[in-house]
Protein backbone atom coordinates (compact mmCIF):
# COMPACT_ATOMS: atom_id res chain seq x y z
CA MET A 1 0.97 -15.64 -8.76
CA ILE A 2 2.17 -12.86 -6.46
CA SER A 3 5.86 -12.26 -6.31
CA LEU A 4 6.83 -9.60 -3.94
CA ALA A 5 9.13 -8.32 -1.28
CA SER A 6 7.13 -8.59 1.86
CA LEU A 7 5.04 -5.68 3.04
CA LYS A 8 7.35 -3.61 5.30
CA GLY A 9 6.51 -0.77 7.70
CA THR A 10 8.56 2.14 9.33
CA LYS A 11 8.59 3.64 12.77
CA PRO A 12 7.32 7.20 13.37
CA GLY A 13 9.84 9.79 12.37
CA GLU A 14 11.99 7.07 10.44
CA GLU A 15 10.92 8.52 7.01
CA ALA A 16 9.64 11.73 5.80
CA LYS A 17 6.25 12.02 4.11
CA PRO A 18 6.74 10.87 0.58
CA GLN A 19 6.11 13.31 -2.30
CA ALA A 20 3.10 12.68 -4.53
CA GLY A 21 3.94 10.58 -7.56
CA PRO A 22 3.60 7.08 -9.03
CA GLY A 23 3.54 4.42 -6.52
CA ILE A 24 2.62 6.82 -3.60
CA VAL A 25 -0.68 6.22 -1.87
CA SER A 26 -2.04 8.64 0.81
CA VAL A 27 -4.04 7.20 3.64
CA ALA A 28 -6.32 9.93 5.01
CA ASP A 29 -9.92 10.34 6.12
CA PHE A 30 -10.31 6.44 5.99
CA LYS A 31 -9.54 6.40 2.26
CA PHE A 32 -6.72 5.40 0.08
CA GLY A 33 -5.78 8.03 -2.49
CA PRO A 34 -5.50 7.29 -5.29
CA GLU A 35 -7.91 4.37 -4.98
CA THR A 36 -6.18 2.77 -8.03
CA VAL A 37 -2.34 3.02 -8.31
CA VAL A 38 -0.57 1.89 -11.58
CA VAL A 39 3.03 0.80 -11.37
CA ALA A 40 5.56 -1.14 -13.48
CA PRO A 41 6.72 -4.59 -12.34
CA GLY A 42 9.31 -4.09 -9.61
CA GLN A 43 8.26 -0.64 -8.66
CA THR A 44 7.80 0.03 -4.98
CA ILE A 45 4.43 1.27 -3.84
CA THR A 46 4.43 3.23 -0.65
CA TRP A 47 1.44 3.98 1.58
CA TYR A 48 1.81 6.97 3.99
CA ASN A 49 -0.63 7.18 6.96
CA SER A 50 -1.61 10.72 7.62
CA ASP A 51 -4.73 9.59 9.43
CA GLY A 52 -5.16 9.66 13.21
CA SER A 53 -6.00 6.00 13.21
CA PRO A 54 -3.83 2.93 12.66
CA HIS A 55 -4.12 1.03 9.32
CA GLN A 56 -2.99 -2.33 7.81
CA VAL A 57 -2.76 -2.94 4.13
CA THR A 58 -4.00 -6.45 3.23
CA ILE A 59 -3.58 -7.77 -0.33
CA THR A 60 -6.57 -9.97 -0.95
CA GLY A 61 -6.97 -12.87 -3.34
CA ALA A 62 -5.13 -16.20 -3.72
CA LYS A 63 -2.11 -15.21 -1.83
CA PRO A 64 -3.24 -12.74 0.76
CA GLN A 65 -0.53 -10.74 2.66
CA LYS A 66 -0.74 -8.20 5.40
CA SER A 67 1.45 -5.25 6.12
CA PRO A 68 2.43 -4.43 9.76
CA ILE A 69 0.03 -2.08 11.43
CA PHE A 70 1.10 1.49 10.78
CA GLN A 71 0.32 4.54 12.74
CA LYS A 72 0.02 8.30 11.74
CA GLY A 73 3.36 9.27 10.21
CA GLN A 74 4.39 5.83 9.33
CA THR A 75 4.71 4.17 5.91
CA THR A 76 4.35 0.65 4.55
CA LYS A 77 5.89 -0.50 1.24
CA LEU A 78 5.19 -3.26 -1.25
CA THR A 79 7.03 -4.36 -4.46
CA LEU A 80 5.18 -6.59 -6.88
CA ALA A 81 7.16 -8.28 -9.60
CA ASP A 82 4.29 -9.86 -11.69
CA ALA A 83 1.91 -7.89 -13.90
CA GLY A 84 -1.63 -8.04 -12.99
CA ILE A 85 -4.44 -6.49 -10.90
CA TYR A 86 -4.21 -6.78 -7.11
CA ASP A 87 -7.06 -5.67 -4.73
CA TYR A 88 -6.31 -4.63 -1.21
CA ILE A 89 -8.21 -3.48 1.93
CA CYS A 90 -7.35 -2.01 5.27
CA SER A 91 -7.90 -5.12 7.44
CA LEU A 92 -8.72 -2.72 10.38
CA HIS A 93 -11.29 -0.90 8.37
CA PRO A 94 -12.60 -3.25 5.63
CA ALA A 95 -14.60 -0.61 3.86
CA MET A 96 -11.27 0.95 2.86
CA LYS A 97 -10.39 -0.50 -0.60
CA GLY A 98 -7.93 -0.05 -3.18
CA LYS A 99 -6.46 -1.58 -6.30
CA ILE A 100 -2.86 -2.00 -7.76
CA GLU A 101 -2.43 -2.34 -11.47
CA VAL A 102 1.01 -3.68 -12.30
CA LYS A 103 1.53 -3.07 -16.01
CA ALA A 104 4.58 -4.18 -18.04
CA ASN A 105 5.74 -1.66 -20.75
């Protein structure tokens, strides 16, 4: 079961580029980096688009969910409450794939 705060996006210039660290995913050169992100339950994951193309994070599986489409300089965020492994893709570029591991302490 996925418990989450909905995927949310920002407008250009609304938020500065996040510093690298746990829960931060860069979107560049049509890749998610890191490809696998490990967070604790309730920790927010932030994707920052530094690509020239728009992207859309889509959690796949039993309860799929899509972020708003986000452009260069924008972010989208997700918080997962339940431990587990969640696969995701960019629905605009399905070859882009990533994984979220939510691990309880």
